[in-house]
PDB file of N, CA and C in Angstrom:
ATOM      1  N   MET A   1      70.947 124.165 114.027  1.00  0.00           N
ATOM      2  CA  MET A   1      71.930 123.896 113.004  1.00  0.00           C
ATOM      3  C   MET A   1      73.042 122.982 113.516  1.00  0.00           C
ATOM      4  N   LEU A   2      73.510 123.216 114.730  1.00  0.00           N
ATOM      5  CA  LEU A   2      74.592 122.395 115.262  1.00  0.00           C
ATOM      6  C   LEU A   2      74.200 120.928 115.385  1.00  0.00           C
ATOM      7  N   PRO A   3      73.009 120.587 115.897  1.00  0.00           N
ATOM      8  CA  PRO A   3      72.635 119.172 115.925  1.00  0.00           C
ATOM      9  C   PRO A   3      72.618 118.532 114.534  1.00  0.00           C
ATOM     10  N   THR A   4      72.248 119.288 113.523  1.00  0.00           N
ATOM     11  CA  THR A   4      72.263 118.757 112.155  1.00  0.00           C
ATOM     12  C   THR A   4      73.689 118.447 111.717  1.00  0.00           C
ATOM     13  N   LEU A   5      74.627 119.335 112.039  1.00  0.00           N
ATOM     14  CA  LEU A   5      76.020 119.130 111.652  1.00  0.00           C
ATOM     15  C   LEU A   5      76.658 117.962 112.408  1.00  0.00           C
ATOM     16  N   LEU A   6      76.362 117.872 113.701  1.00  0.00           N
ATOM     17  CA  LEU A   6      77.003 116.858 114.527  1.00  0.00           C
ATOM     18  C   LEU A   6      76.240 115.544 114.550  1.00  0.00           C
ATOM     19  N   GLY A   7      75.008 115.533 114.074  1.00  0.00           N
ATOM     20  CA  GLY A   7      74.177 114.338 114.117  1.00  0.00           C
ATOM     21  C   GLY A   7      74.725 113.179 113.314  1.00  0.00           C
ATOM     22  N   ARG A   8      75.611 113.434 112.389  1.00  0.00           N
ATOM     23  CA  ARG A   8      76.184 112.387 111.535  1.00  0.00           C
ATOM     24  C   ARG A   8      77.330 111.646 112.211  1.00  0.00           C
ATOM     25  N   MET A   9      77.778 112.161 113.335  1.00  0.00           N
ATOM     26  CA  MET A   9      78.907 111.548 114.038  1.00  0.00           C
ATOM     27  C   MET A   9      78.429 110.308 114.786  1.00  0.00           C
ATOM     28  N   ASP A  10      79.143 109.195 114.618  1.00  0.00           N
ATOM     29  CA  ASP A  10      78.771 107.958 115.291  1.00  0.00           C
ATOM     30  C   ASP A  10      79.490 107.783 116.624  1.00  0.00           C
ATOM     31  N   ALA A  11      80.621 108.433 116.796  1.00  0.00           N
ATOM     32  CA  ALA A  11      81.434 108.287 117.998  1.00  0.00           C
ATOM     33  C   ALA A  11      81.135 109.434 118.968  1.00  0.00           C
ATOM     34  N   PRO A  12      81.564 109.295 120.232  1.00  0.00           N
ATOM     35  CA  PRO A  12      81.439 110.433 121.165  1.00  0.00           C
ATOM     36  C   PRO A  12      82.156 111.657 120.597  1.00  0.00           C
ATOM     37  N   LEU A  13      81.624 112.822 120.865  1.00  0.00           N
ATOM     38  CA  LEU A  13      82.104 114.035 120.201  1.00  0.00           C
ATOM     39  C   LEU A  13      83.451 114.534 120.704  1.00  0.00           C
ATOM     40  N   GLY A  14      83.737 114.475 121.979  1.00  0.00           N
ATOM     41  CA  GLY A  14      84.965 115.071 122.501  1.00  0.00           C
ATOM     42  C   GLY A  14      84.800 116.576 122.598  1.00  0.00           C
ATOM     43  N   ALA A  15      85.875 117.322 122.423  1.00  0.00           N
ATOM     44  CA  ALA A  15      85.809 118.784 122.488  1.00  0.00           C
ATOM     45  C   ALA A  15      85.188 119.326 121.199  1.00  0.00           C
ATOM     46  N   VAL A  16      84.158 120.154 121.353  1.00  0.00           N
ATOM     47  CA  VAL A  16      83.492 120.774 120.208  1.00  0.00           C
ATOM     48  C   VAL A  16      83.757 122.273 120.297  1.00  0.00           C
ATOM     49  N   LEU A  17      84.466 122.802 119.304  1.00  0.00           N
ATOM     50  CA  LEU A  17      84.853 124.207 119.286  1.00  0.00           C
ATOM     51  C   LEU A  17      83.978 124.965 118.302  1.00  0.00           C
ATOM     52  N   GLY A  18      83.577 126.156 118.672  1.00  0.00           N
ATOM     53  CA  GLY A  18      82.779 126.981 117.780  1.00  0.00           C
ATOM     54  C   GLY A  18      82.784 128.422 118.239  1.00  0.00           C
ATOM     55  N   ASP A  19      82.361 129.311 117.366  1.00  0.00           N
ATOM     56  CA  ASP A  19      82.316 130.712 117.755  1.00  0.00           C
ATOM     57  C   ASP A  19      81.036 130.995 118.538  1.00  0.00           C
ATOM     58  N   ALA A  20      80.860 132.247 118.913  1.00  0.00           N
ATOM     59  CA  ALA A  20      79.735 132.631 119.765  1.00  0.00           C
ATOM     60  C   ALA A  20      78.384 132.406 119.102  1.00  0.00           C
ATOM     61  N   ALA A  21      78.355 132.262 117.794  1.00  0.00           N
ATOM     62  CA  ALA A  21      77.086 132.001 117.116  1.00  0.00           C
ATOM     63  C   ALA A  21      76.495 130.663 117.539  1.00  0.00           C
ATOM     64  N   TYR A  22      77.328 129.712 117.944  1.00  0.00           N
ATOM     65  CA  TYR A  22      76.857 128.403 118.378  1.00  0.00           C
ATOM     66  C   TYR A  22      76.597 128.350 119.882  1.00  0.00           C
ATOM     67  N   ALA A  23      76.963 129.392 120.600  1.00  0.00           N
ATOM     68  CA  ALA A  23      76.824 129.398 122.054  1.00  0.00           C
ATOM     69  C   ALA A  23      75.365 129.586 122.447  1.00  0.00           C
ATOM     70  N   GLY A  24      74.734 128.485 122.698  1.00  0.00           N
ATOM     71  CA  GLY A  24      73.355 128.489 123.156  1.00  0.00           C
ATOM     72  C   GLY A  24      73.142 127.311 124.080  1.00  0.00           C
ATOM     73  N   ARG A  25      72.192 127.442 124.979  1.00  0.00           N
ATOM     74  CA  ARG A  25      71.964 126.388 125.964  1.00  0.00           C
ATOM     75  C   ARG A  25      71.626 125.047 125.305  1.00  0.00           C
ATOM     76  N   ARG A  26      70.793 125.071 124.294  1.00  0.00           N
ATOM     77  CA  ARG A  26      70.421 123.812 123.620  1.00  0.00           C
ATOM     78  C   ARG A  26      71.630 123.156 122.957  1.00  0.00           C
ATOM     79  N   ASN A  27      72.473 123.960 122.322  1.00  0.00           N
ATOM     80  CA  ASN A  27      73.655 123.402 121.666  1.00  0.00           C
ATOM     81  C   ASN A  27      74.627 122.796 122.677  1.00  0.00           C
ATOM     82  N   VAL A  28      74.832 123.486 123.788  1.00  0.00           N
ATOM     83  CA  VAL A  28      75.744 122.985 124.817  1.00  0.00           C
ATOM     84  C   VAL A  28      75.200 121.681 125.398  1.00  0.00           C
ATOM     85  N   THR A  29      73.899 121.624 125.622  1.00  0.00           N
ATOM     86  CA  THR A  29      73.281 120.399 126.138  1.00  0.00           C
ATOM     87  C   THR A  29      73.388 119.269 125.126  1.00  0.00           C
ATOM     88  N   TYR A  30      73.158 119.569 123.856  1.00  0.00           N
ATOM     89  CA  TYR A  30      73.269 118.546 122.805  1.00  0.00           C
ATOM     90  C   TYR A  30      74.678 117.950 122.782  1.00  0.00           C
ATOM     91  N   VAL A  31      75.678 118.803 122.839  1.00  0.00           N
ATOM     92  CA  VAL A  31      77.066 118.336 122.814  1.00  0.00           C
ATOM     93  C   VAL A  31      77.331 117.439 124.020  1.00  0.00           C
ATOM     94  N   ALA A  32      76.882 117.852 125.200  1.00  0.00           N
ATOM     95  CA  ALA A  32      77.109 117.063 126.418  1.00  0.00           C
ATOM     96  C   ALA A  32      76.395 115.716 126.354  1.00  0.00           C
ATOM     97  N   GLU A  33      75.185 115.695 125.833  1.00  0.00           N
ATOM     98  CA  GLU A  33      74.422 114.445 125.738  1.00  0.00           C
ATOM     99  C   GLU A  33      75.057 113.452 124.766  1.00  0.00           C
ATOM    100  N   HIS A  34      75.885 113.938 123.874  1.00  0.00           N
ATOM    101  CA  HIS A  34      76.536 113.075 122.891  1.00  0.00           C
ATOM    102  C   HIS A  34      78.024 112.884 123.185  1.00  0.00           C
ATOM    103  N   GLY A  35      78.384 113.018 124.453  1.00  0.00           N
ATOM    104  CA  GLY A  35      79.738 112.698 124.886  1.00  0.00           C
ATOM    105  C   GLY A  35      80.769 113.766 124.634  1.00  0.00           C
ATOM    106  N   GLY A  36      80.346 114.997 124.444  1.00  0.00           N
ATOM    107  CA  GLY A  36      81.284 116.065 124.150  1.00  0.00           C
ATOM    108  C   GLY A  36      81.353 117.128 125.229  1.00  0.00           C
ATOM    109  N   GLU A  37      82.279 118.012 125.055  1.00  0.00           N
ATOM    110  CA  GLU A  37      82.473 119.164 125.933  1.00  0.00           C
ATOM    111  C   GLU A  37      82.476 120.400 125.044  1.00  0.00           C
ATOM    112  N   ALA A  38      81.546 121.316 125.280  1.00  0.00           N
ATOM    113  CA  ALA A  38      81.392 122.500 124.432  1.00  0.00           C
ATOM    114  C   ALA A  38      82.380 123.591 124.825  1.00  0.00           C
ATOM    115  N   TYR A  39      82.990 124.192 123.830  1.00  0.00           N
ATOM    116  CA  TYR A  39      83.882 125.340 124.005  1.00  0.00           C
ATOM    117  C   TYR A  39      83.417 126.432 123.052  1.00  0.00           C
ATOM    118  N   PHE A  40      82.426 127.176 123.496  1.00  0.00           N
ATOM    119  CA  PHE A  40      81.894 128.299 122.737  1.00  0.00           C
ATOM    120  C   PHE A  40      82.058 129.542 123.593  1.00  0.00           C
ATOM    121  N   PRO A  41      82.777 130.559 123.143  1.00  0.00           N
ATOM    122  CA  PRO A  41      82.921 131.750 123.972  1.00  0.00           C
ATOM    123  C   PRO A  41      81.579 132.476 124.083  1.00  0.00           C
ATOM    124  N   PRO A  42      81.134 132.736 125.304  1.00  0.00           N
ATOM    125  CA  PRO A  42      79.843 133.407 125.456  1.00  0.00           C
ATOM    126  C   PRO A  42      79.940 134.882 125.084  1.00  0.00           C
ATOM    127  N   LYS A  43      78.821 135.419 124.684  1.00  0.00           N
ATOM    128  CA  LYS A  43      78.766 136.844 124.390  1.00  0.00           C
ATOM    129  C   LYS A  43      78.750 137.630 125.687  1.00  0.00           C
ATOM    130  N   PHE A  44      79.117 138.885 125.614  1.00  0.00           N
ATOM    131  CA  PHE A  44      79.206 139.742 126.791  1.00  0.00           C
ATOM    132  C   PHE A  44      77.852 139.820 127.493  1.00  0.00           C
ATOM    133  N   GLY A  45      77.876 139.681 128.797  1.00  0.00           N
ATOM    134  CA  GLY A  45      76.672 139.861 129.593  1.00  0.00           C
ATOM    135  C   GLY A  45      75.818 138.619 129.765  1.00  0.00           C
ATOM    136  N   TRP A  46      76.235 137.487 129.207  1.00  0.00           N
ATOM    137  CA  TRP A  46      75.437 136.285 129.382  1.00  0.00           C
ATOM    138  C   TRP A  46      75.605 135.756 130.789  1.00  0.00           C
ATOM    139  N   THR A  47      74.531 135.216 131.348  1.00  0.00           N
ATOM    140  CA  THR A  47      74.556 134.720 132.717  1.00  0.00           C
ATOM    141  C   THR A  47      74.778 133.215 132.729  1.00  0.00           C
ATOM    142  N   ALA A  48      75.131 132.715 133.903  1.00  0.00           N
ATOM    143  CA  ALA A  48      75.352 131.279 134.072  1.00  0.00           C
ATOM    144  C   ALA A  48      74.075 130.569 134.503  1.00  0.00           C
ATOM    145  N   LYS A  49      72.931 131.232 134.442  1.00  0.00           N
ATOM    146  CA  LYS A  49      71.673 130.589 134.811  1.00  0.00           C
ATOM    147  C   LYS A  49      71.422 129.412 133.869  1.00  0.00           C
ATOM    148  N   THR A  50      71.086 128.284 134.455  1.00  0.00           N
ATOM    149  CA  THR A  50      70.976 127.066 133.665  1.00  0.00           C
ATOM    150  C   THR A  50      69.720 127.039 132.802  1.00  0.00           C
ATOM    151  N   LYS A  51      68.612 127.489 133.323  1.00  0.00           N
ATOM    152  CA  LYS A  51      67.323 127.440 132.617  1.00  0.00           C
ATOM    153  C   LYS A  51      67.080 126.048 132.028  1.00  0.00           C
ATOM    154  N   GLY A  52      67.377 125.016 132.859  1.00  0.00           N
ATOM    155  CA  GLY A  52      67.154 123.643 132.430  1.00  0.00           C
ATOM    156  C   GLY A  52      68.319 123.011 131.689  1.00  0.00           C
ATOM    157  N   HIS A  53      69.424 123.708 131.580  1.00  0.00           N
ATOM    158  CA  HIS A  53      70.598 123.202 130.847  1.00  0.00           C
ATOM    159  C   HIS A  53      71.838 123.315 131.743  1.00  0.00           C
ATOM    160  N   PRO A  54      72.077 122.327 132.623  1.00  0.00           N
ATOM    161  CA  PRO A  54      73.186 122.449 133.593  1.00  0.00           C
ATOM    162  C   PRO A  54      74.568 122.551 132.958  1.00  0.00           C
ATOM    163  N   MET A  55      74.763 121.980 131.779  1.00  0.00           N
ATOM    164  CA  MET A  55      76.085 122.070 131.155  1.00  0.00           C
ATOM    165  C   MET A  55      76.405 123.491 130.706  1.00  0.00           C
ATOM    166  N   TRP A  56      75.377 124.288 130.499  1.00  0.00           N
ATOM    167  CA  TRP A  56      75.580 125.697 130.152  1.00  0.00           C
ATOM    168  C   TRP A  56      76.331 126.397 131.284  1.00  0.00           C
ATOM    169  N   LYS A  57      75.866 126.181 132.507  1.00  0.00           N
ATOM    170  CA  LYS A  57      76.503 126.819 133.661  1.00  0.00           C
ATOM    171  C   LYS A  57      77.960 126.378 133.772  1.00  0.00           C
ATOM    172  N   ARG A  58      78.205 125.095 133.542  1.00  0.00           N
ATOM    173  CA  ARG A  58      79.573 124.587 133.612  1.00  0.00           C
ATOM    174  C   ARG A  58      80.471 125.280 132.588  1.00  0.00           C
ATOM    175  N   MET A  59      79.980 125.450 131.361  1.00  0.00           N
ATOM    176  CA  MET A  59      80.776 126.094 130.324  1.00  0.00           C
ATOM    177  C   MET A  59      81.044 127.567 130.667  1.00  0.00           C
ATOM    178  N   ILE A  60      80.016 128.276 131.109  1.00  0.00           N
ATOM    179  CA  ILE A  60      80.177 129.694 131.437  1.00  0.00           C
ATOM    180  C   ILE A  60      81.153 129.873 132.595  1.00  0.00           C
ATOM    181  N   LEU A  61      81.012 129.059 133.634  1.00  0.00           N
ATOM    182  CA  LEU A  61      81.910 129.192 134.788  1.00  0.00           C
ATOM    183  C   LEU A  61      83.345 128.813 134.425  1.00  0.00           C
ATOM    184  N   ARG A  62      83.507 127.830 133.543  1.00  0.00           N
ATOM    185  CA  ARG A  62      84.867 127.495 133.084  1.00  0.00           C
ATOM    186  C   ARG A  62      85.465 128.686 132.343  1.00  0.00           C
ATOM    187  N   TYR A  63      84.676 129.324 131.519  1.00  0.00           N
ATOM    188  CA  TYR A  63      85.147 130.477 130.753  1.00  0.00           C
ATOM    189  C   TYR A  63      85.524 131.637 131.679  1.00  0.00           C
ATOM    190  N   ARG A  64      84.705 131.876 132.701  1.00  0.00           N
ATOM    191  CA  ARG A  64      84.947 133.020 133.603  1.00  0.00           C
ATOM    192  C   ARG A  64      86.030 132.778 134.632  1.00  0.00           C
ATOM    193  N   HIS A  65      85.991 131.606 135.285  1.00  0.00           N
ATOM    194  CA  HIS A  65      86.870 131.371 136.428  1.00  0.00           C
ATOM    195  C   HIS A  65      88.155 130.619 136.081  1.00  0.00           C
ATOM    196  N   HIS A  66      88.159 129.949 134.959  1.00  0.00           N
ATOM    197  CA  HIS A  66      89.357 129.217 134.529  1.00  0.00           C
ATOM    198  C   HIS A  66      89.623 129.497 133.046  1.00  0.00           C
ATOM    199  N   PRO A  67      89.865 130.759 132.702  1.00  0.00           N
ATOM    200  CA  PRO A  67      90.042 131.089 131.284  1.00  0.00           C
ATOM    201  C   PRO A  67      91.236 130.385 130.642  1.00  0.00           C
ATOM    202  N   GLU A  68      92.264 130.069 131.428  1.00  0.00           N
ATOM    203  CA  GLU A  68      93.424 129.382 130.861  1.00  0.00           C
ATOM    204  C   GLU A  68      93.051 127.971 130.406  1.00  0.00           C
ATOM    205  N   VAL A  69      92.177 127.312 131.144  1.00  0.00           N
ATOM    206  CA  VAL A  69      91.715 125.973 130.763  1.00  0.00           C
ATOM    207  C   VAL A  69      90.868 126.068 129.493  1.00  0.00           C
ATOM    208  N   PHE A  70      89.976 127.044 129.464  1.00  0.00           N
ATOM    209  CA  PHE A  70      89.106 127.230 128.300  1.00  0.00           C
ATOM    210  C   PHE A  70      89.935 127.520 127.053  1.00  0.00           C
ATOM    211  N   HIS A  71      90.844 128.465 127.152  1.00  0.00           N
ATOM    212  CA  HIS A  71      91.606 128.896 125.983  1.00  0.00           C
ATOM    213  C   HIS A  71      92.664 127.874 125.555  1.00  0.00           C
ATOM    214  N   GLU A  72      93.100 127.018 126.477  1.00  0.00           N
ATOM    215  CA  GLU A  72      94.051 125.959 126.117  1.00  0.00           C
ATOM    216  C   GLU A  72      93.441 125.014 125.077  1.00  0.00           C
ATOM    217  N   THR A  73      92.144 124.775 125.175  1.00  0.00           N
ATOM    218  CA  THR A  73      91.458 123.933 124.196  1.00  0.00           C
ATOM    219  C   THR A  73      90.961 124.760 123.018  1.00  0.00           C
ATOM    220  N   TYR A  74      90.400 125.913 123.296  1.00  0.00           N
ATOM    221  CA  TYR A  74      89.777 126.734 122.252  1.00  0.00           C
ATOM    222  C   TYR A  74      90.787 127.240 121.221  1.00  0.00           C
ATOM    223  N   ARG A  75      92.043 127.330 121.595  1.00  0.00           N
ATOM    224  CA  ARG A  75      93.065 127.865 120.679  1.00  0.00           C
ATOM    225  C   ARG A  75      93.232 127.012 119.424  1.00  0.00           C
ATOM    226  N   PHE A  76      92.831 125.748 119.480  1.00  0.00           N
ATOM    227  CA  PHE A  76      92.958 124.881 118.311  1.00  0.00           C
ATOM    228  C   PHE A  76      91.959 125.239 117.215  1.00  0.00           C
ATOM    229  N   ARG A  77      90.959 126.029 117.551  1.00  0.00           N
ATOM    230  CA  ARG A  77      89.988 126.454 116.549  1.00  0.00           C
ATOM    231  C   ARG A  77      90.679 127.258 115.439  1.00  0.00           C
ATOM    232  N   ALA A  78      91.701 128.019 115.784  1.00  0.00           N
ATOM    233  CA  ALA A  78      92.430 128.807 114.793  1.00  0.00           C
ATOM    234  C   ALA A  78      93.083 127.898 113.753  1.00  0.00           C
ATOM    235  N   ASN A  79      93.551 126.725 114.163  1.00  0.00           N
ATOM    236  CA  ASN A  79      94.152 125.786 113.208  1.00  0.00           C
ATOM    237  C   ASN A  79      93.118 125.311 112.192  1.00  0.00           C
ATOM    238  N   VAL A  80      91.936 124.995 112.671  1.00  0.00           N
ATOM    239  CA  VAL A  80      90.875 124.512 111.789  1.00  0.00           C
ATOM    240  C   VAL A  80      90.454 125.617 110.825  1.00  0.00           C
ATOM    241  N   GLU A  81      90.240 126.821 111.350  1.00  0.00           N
ATOM    242  CA  GLU A  81      89.843 127.954 110.508  1.00  0.00           C
ATOM    243  C   GLU A  81      90.912 128.253 109.463  1.00  0.00           C
ATOM    244  N   GLY A  82      92.177 128.173 109.857  1.00  0.00           N
ATOM    245  CA  GLY A  82      93.271 128.418 108.919  1.00  0.00           C
ATOM    246  C   GLY A  82      93.315 127.383 107.804  1.00  0.00           C
ATOM    247  N   ALA A  83      93.071 126.125 108.152  1.00  0.00           N
ATOM    248  CA  ALA A  83      93.077 125.066 107.135  1.00  0.00           C
ATOM    249  C   ALA A  83      91.943 125.271 106.136  1.00  0.00           C
ATOM    250  N   PHE A  84      90.738 125.564 106.622  1.00  0.00           N
ATOM    251  CA  PHE A  84      89.622 125.796 105.706  1.00  0.00           C
ATOM    252  C   PHE A  84      89.855 127.042 104.844  1.00  0.00           C
ATOM    253  N   SER A  85      90.445 128.067 105.430  1.00  0.00           N
ATOM    254  CA  SER A  85      90.738 129.277 104.677  1.00  0.00           C
ATOM    255  C   SER A  85      91.739 128.988 103.561  1.00  0.00           C
ATOM    256  N   ALA A  86      92.755 128.200 103.863  1.00  0.00           N
ATOM    257  CA  ALA A  86      93.761 127.859 102.847  1.00  0.00           C
ATOM    258  C   ALA A  86      93.141 127.055 101.711  1.00  0.00           C
ATOM    259  N   ILE A  87      92.274 126.110 102.052  1.00  0.00           N
ATOM    260  CA  ILE A  87      91.611 125.313 101.019  1.00  0.00           C
ATOM    261  C   ILE A  87      90.762 126.209 100.127  1.00  0.00           C
ATOM    262  N   LYS A  88      90.034 127.123 100.728  1.00  0.00           N
ATOM    263  CA  LYS A  88      89.183 128.023  99.942  1.00  0.00           C
ATOM    264  C   LYS A  88      90.012 128.960  99.071  1.00  0.00           C
ATOM    265  N   ARG A  89      91.151 129.435  99.580  1.00  0.00           N
ATOM    266  CA  ARG A  89      92.005 130.327  98.793  1.00  0.00           C
ATOM    267  C   ARG A  89      92.610 129.608  97.598  1.00  0.00           C
ATOM    268  N   HIS A  90      93.053 128.388  97.795  1.00  0.00           N
ATOM    269  CA  HIS A  90      93.753 127.662  96.733  1.00  0.00           C
ATOM    270  C   HIS A  90      92.817 126.967  95.755  1.00  0.00           C
ATOM    271  N   GLN A  91      91.651 126.534  96.236  1.00  0.00           N
ATOM    272  CA  GLN A  91      90.785 125.723  95.392  1.00  0.00           C
ATOM    273  C   GLN A  91      89.408 126.333  95.167  1.00  0.00           C
ATOM    274  N   GLY A  92      89.201 127.521  95.682  1.00  0.00           N
ATOM    275  CA  GLY A  92      87.917 128.188  95.496  1.00  0.00           C
ATOM    276  C   GLY A  92      86.930 127.862  96.607  1.00  0.00           C
ATOM    277  N   PRO A  93      86.014 128.773  96.862  1.00  0.00           N
ATOM    278  CA  PRO A  93      85.095 128.596  97.993  1.00  0.00           C
ATOM    279  C   PRO A  93      83.871 127.726  97.697  1.00  0.00           C
ATOM    280  N   PHE A  94      83.692 127.301  96.454  1.00  0.00           N
ATOM    281  CA  PHE A  94      82.482 126.569  96.097  1.00  0.00           C
ATOM    282  C   PHE A  94      82.806 125.153  95.651  1.00  0.00           C
ATOM    283  N   LEU A  95      81.881 124.249  95.920  1.00  0.00           N
ATOM    284  CA  LEU A  95      81.986 122.883  95.421  1.00  0.00           C
ATOM    285  C   LEU A  95      81.201 122.797  94.122  1.00  0.00           C
ATOM    286  N   SER A  96      81.711 122.032  93.177  1.00  0.00           N
ATOM    287  CA  SER A  96      81.026 121.946  91.888  1.00  0.00           C
ATOM    288  C   SER A  96      80.028 120.790  91.833  1.00  0.00           C
ATOM    289  N   ALA A  97      80.140 119.839  92.735  1.00  0.00           N
ATOM    290  CA  ALA A  97      79.219 118.701  92.746  1.00  0.00           C
ATOM    291  C   ALA A  97      77.821 119.158  93.146  1.00  0.00           C
ATOM    292  N   ARG A  98      76.826 118.458  92.643  1.00  0.00           N
ATOM    293  CA  ARG A  98      75.440 118.835  92.922  1.00  0.00           C
ATOM    294  C   ARG A  98      74.828 118.068  94.083  1.00  0.00           C
ATOM    295  N   SER A  99      75.050 116.777  94.136  1.00  0.00           N
ATOM    296  CA  SER A  99      74.421 115.984  95.198  1.00  0.00           C
ATOM    297  C   SER A  99      75.238 116.075  96.484  1.00  0.00           C
ATOM    298  N   ALA A 100      74.568 115.857  97.603  1.00  0.00           N
ATOM    299  CA  ALA A 100      75.234 115.936  98.903  1.00  0.00           C
ATOM    300  C   ALA A 100      76.337 114.894  99.030  1.00  0.00           C
ATOM    301  N   VAL A 101      76.101 113.701  98.505  1.00  0.00           N
ATOM    302  CA  VAL A 101      77.112 112.637  98.569  1.00  0.00           C
ATOM    303  C   VAL A 101      78.363 113.050  97.807  1.00  0.00           C
ATOM    304  N   MET A 102      78.185 113.566  96.625  1.00  0.00           N
ATOM    305  CA  MET A 102      79.338 113.968  95.817  1.00  0.00           C
ATOM    306  C   MET A 102      80.023 115.214  96.383  1.00  0.00           C
ATOM    307  N   GLN A 103      79.263 116.101  97.020  1.00  0.00           N
ATOM    308  CA  GLN A 103      79.877 117.261  97.663  1.00  0.00           C
ATOM    309  C   GLN A 103      80.787 116.834  98.805  1.00  0.00           C
ATOM    310  N   ARG A 104      80.323 115.861  99.599  1.00  0.00           N
ATOM    311  CA  ARG A 104      81.163 115.350 100.685  1.00  0.00           C
ATOM    312  C   ARG A 104      82.429 114.718 100.117  1.00  0.00           C
ATOM    313  N   ARG A 105      82.272 113.988  99.038  1.00  0.00           N
ATOM    314  CA  ARG A 105      83.422 113.339  98.408  1.00  0.00           C
ATOM    315  C   ARG A 105      84.398 114.389  97.867  1.00  0.00           C
ATOM    316  N   GLU A 106      83.856 115.403  97.213  1.00  0.00           N
ATOM    317  CA  GLU A 106      84.713 116.465  96.659  1.00  0.00           C
ATOM    318  C   GLU A 106      85.434 117.215  97.773  1.00  0.00           C
ATOM    319  N   ALA A 107      84.736 117.512  98.859  1.00  0.00           N
ATOM    320  CA  ALA A 107      85.376 118.205  99.984  1.00  0.00           C
ATOM    321  C   ALA A 107      86.486 117.347 100.579  1.00  0.00           C
ATOM    322  N   GLY A 108      86.250 116.049 100.687  1.00  0.00           N
ATOM    323  CA  GLY A 108      87.291 115.149 101.190  1.00  0.00           C
ATOM    324  C   GLY A 108      88.511 115.128 100.295  1.00  0.00           C
ATOM    325  N   TRP A 109      88.303 115.076  98.991  1.00  0.00           N
ATOM    326  CA  TRP A 109      89.433 115.098  98.054  1.00  0.00           C
ATOM    327  C   TRP A 109      90.188 116.414  98.120  1.00  0.00           C
ATOM    328  N   ARG A 110      89.466 117.499  98.336  1.00  0.00           N
ATOM    329  CA  ARG A 110      90.149 118.795  98.471  1.00  0.00           C
ATOM    330  C   ARG A 110      91.052 118.809  99.700  1.00  0.00           C
ATOM    331  N   MET A 111      90.582 118.218 100.786  1.00  0.00           N
ATOM    332  CA  MET A 111      91.405 118.161 101.996  1.00  0.00           C
ATOM    333  C   MET A 111      92.628 117.280 101.786  1.00  0.00           C
ATOM    334  N   ILE A 112      92.437 116.175 101.090  1.00  0.00           N
ATOM    335  CA  ILE A 112      93.574 115.298 100.787  1.00  0.00           C
ATOM    336  C   ILE A 112      94.576 116.028  99.899  1.00  0.00           C
ATOM    337  N   ALA A 113      94.074 116.753  98.901  1.00  0.00           N
ATOM    338  CA  ALA A 113      94.968 117.511  98.012  1.00  0.00           C
ATOM    339  C   ALA A 113      95.741 118.570  98.798  1.00  0.00           C
ATOM    340  N   ARG A 114      95.093 119.220  99.725  1.00  0.00           N
ATOM    341  CA  ARG A 114      95.763 120.245 100.533  1.00  0.00           C
ATOM    342  C   ARG A 114      96.857 119.615 101.396  1.00  0.00           C
ATOM    343  N   ASN A 115      96.558 118.459 101.988  1.00  0.00           N
ATOM    344  CA  ASN A 115      97.563 117.779 102.806  1.00  0.00           C
ATOM    345  C   ASN A 115      98.752 117.326 101.968  1.00  0.00           C
ATOM    346  N   LEU A 116      98.499 116.839 100.756  1.00  0.00           N
ATOM    347  CA  LEU A 116      99.596 116.444  99.868  1.00  0.00           C
ATOM    348  C   LEU A 116     100.450 117.645  99.476  1.00  0.00           C
ATOM    349  N   ASP A 117      99.794 118.779  99.251  1.00  0.00           N
ATOM    350  CA  ASP A 117     100.516 120.010  98.929  1.00  0.00           C
ATOM    351  C   ASP A 117     101.419 120.420 100.091  1.00  0.00           C
ATOM    352  N   LEU A 118     100.893 120.358 101.303  1.00  0.00           N
ATOM    353  CA  LEU A 118     101.693 120.708 102.485  1.00  0.00           C
ATOM    354  C   LEU A 118     102.858 119.737 102.665  1.00  0.00           C
ATOM    355  N   LEU A 119     102.607 118.458 102.421  1.00  0.00           N
ATOM    356  CA  LEU A 119     103.670 117.468 102.531  1.00  0.00           C
ATOM    357  C   LEU A 119     104.775 117.725 101.514  1.00  0.00           C
ATOM    358  N   ALA A 120     104.399 118.046 100.289  1.00  0.00           N
ATOM    359  CA  ALA A 120     105.392 118.334  99.251  1.00  0.00           C
ATOM    360  C   ALA A 120     106.211 119.574  99.612  1.00  0.00           C
ATOM    361  N   ARG A 121     105.558 120.594 100.130  1.00  0.00           N
ATOM    362  CA  ARG A 121     106.290 121.808 100.536  1.00  0.00           C
ATOM    363  C   ARG A 121     107.246 121.517 101.678  1.00  0.00           C
ATOM    364  N   HIS A 122     106.792 120.709 102.626  1.00  0.00           N
ATOM    365  CA  HIS A 122     107.642 120.369 103.768  1.00  0.00           C
ATOM    366  C   HIS A 122     108.880 119.596 103.312  1.00  0.00           C
ATOM    367  N   ARG A 123     108.692 118.659 102.399  1.00  0.00           N
ATOM    368  CA  ARG A 123     109.828 117.885 101.888  1.00  0.00           C
ATOM    369  C   ARG A 123     110.778 118.763 101.092  1.00  0.00           C
ATOM    370  N   ALA A 124     110.238 119.696 100.323  1.00  0.00           N
ATOM    371  CA  ALA A 124     111.089 120.601  99.553  1.00  0.00           C
ATOM    372  C   ALA A 124     111.934 121.472 100.486  1.00  0.00           C
ATOM    373  N   LEU A 125     111.327 121.941 101.574  1.00  0.00           N
ATOM    374  CA  LEU A 125     112.081 122.748 102.536  1.00  0.00           C
ATOM    375  C   LEU A 125     113.149 121.908 103.221  1.00  0.00           C
ATOM    376  N   ALA A 126     112.845 120.651 103.518  1.00  0.00           N
ATOM    377  CA  ALA A 126     113.812 119.777 104.173  1.00  0.00           C
ATOM    378  C   ALA A 126     115.023 119.509 103.265  1.00  0.00           C
ATOM    379  N   GLU A 127     114.794 119.411 101.963  1.00  0.00           N
ATOM    380  CA  GLU A 127     115.890 119.165 101.018  1.00  0.00           C
ATOM    381  C   GLU A 127     116.778 120.394 100.886  1.00  0.00           C
ATOM    382  N   VAL A 128     116.202 121.576 100.993  1.00  0.00           N
ATOM    383  CA  VAL A 128     116.983 122.808 100.886  1.00  0.00           C
ATOM    384  C   VAL A 128     117.911 122.959 102.086  1.00  0.00           C
ATOM    385  N   ARG A 129     117.445 122.531 103.225  1.00  0.00           N
ATOM    386  CA  ARG A 129     118.259 122.665 104.458  1.00  0.00           C
ATOM    387  C   ARG A 129     119.323 121.657 104.434  1.00  0.00           C
TER     388      ARG A 129
END
């Protein structure tokens, strides 16, 4: 699933944040091969054995031996989750468009609308002060 989601990206990936559901050797290798660094918290008891995926070991050891480095990047995931949650709360969890092209367009407009809403609130607070 992760390669399908990230396959549309034309530029190097950079830091890729995800929950433990995405933490798999193939996903970590895919991210590394496309110029990214995976930040997926491993599930309890997972080993650093590479099994043909050396970037897996790097991610696990970073998580275990340098948790401050791992969490310094991973903490931004909460911002993304919060933004998507706010969009779903204010505009509903479903897209009404049928085709994939129009769904992408509708999702983009929803994000723009959310940003405009935040900007208006910020300006209103600034005027009150």
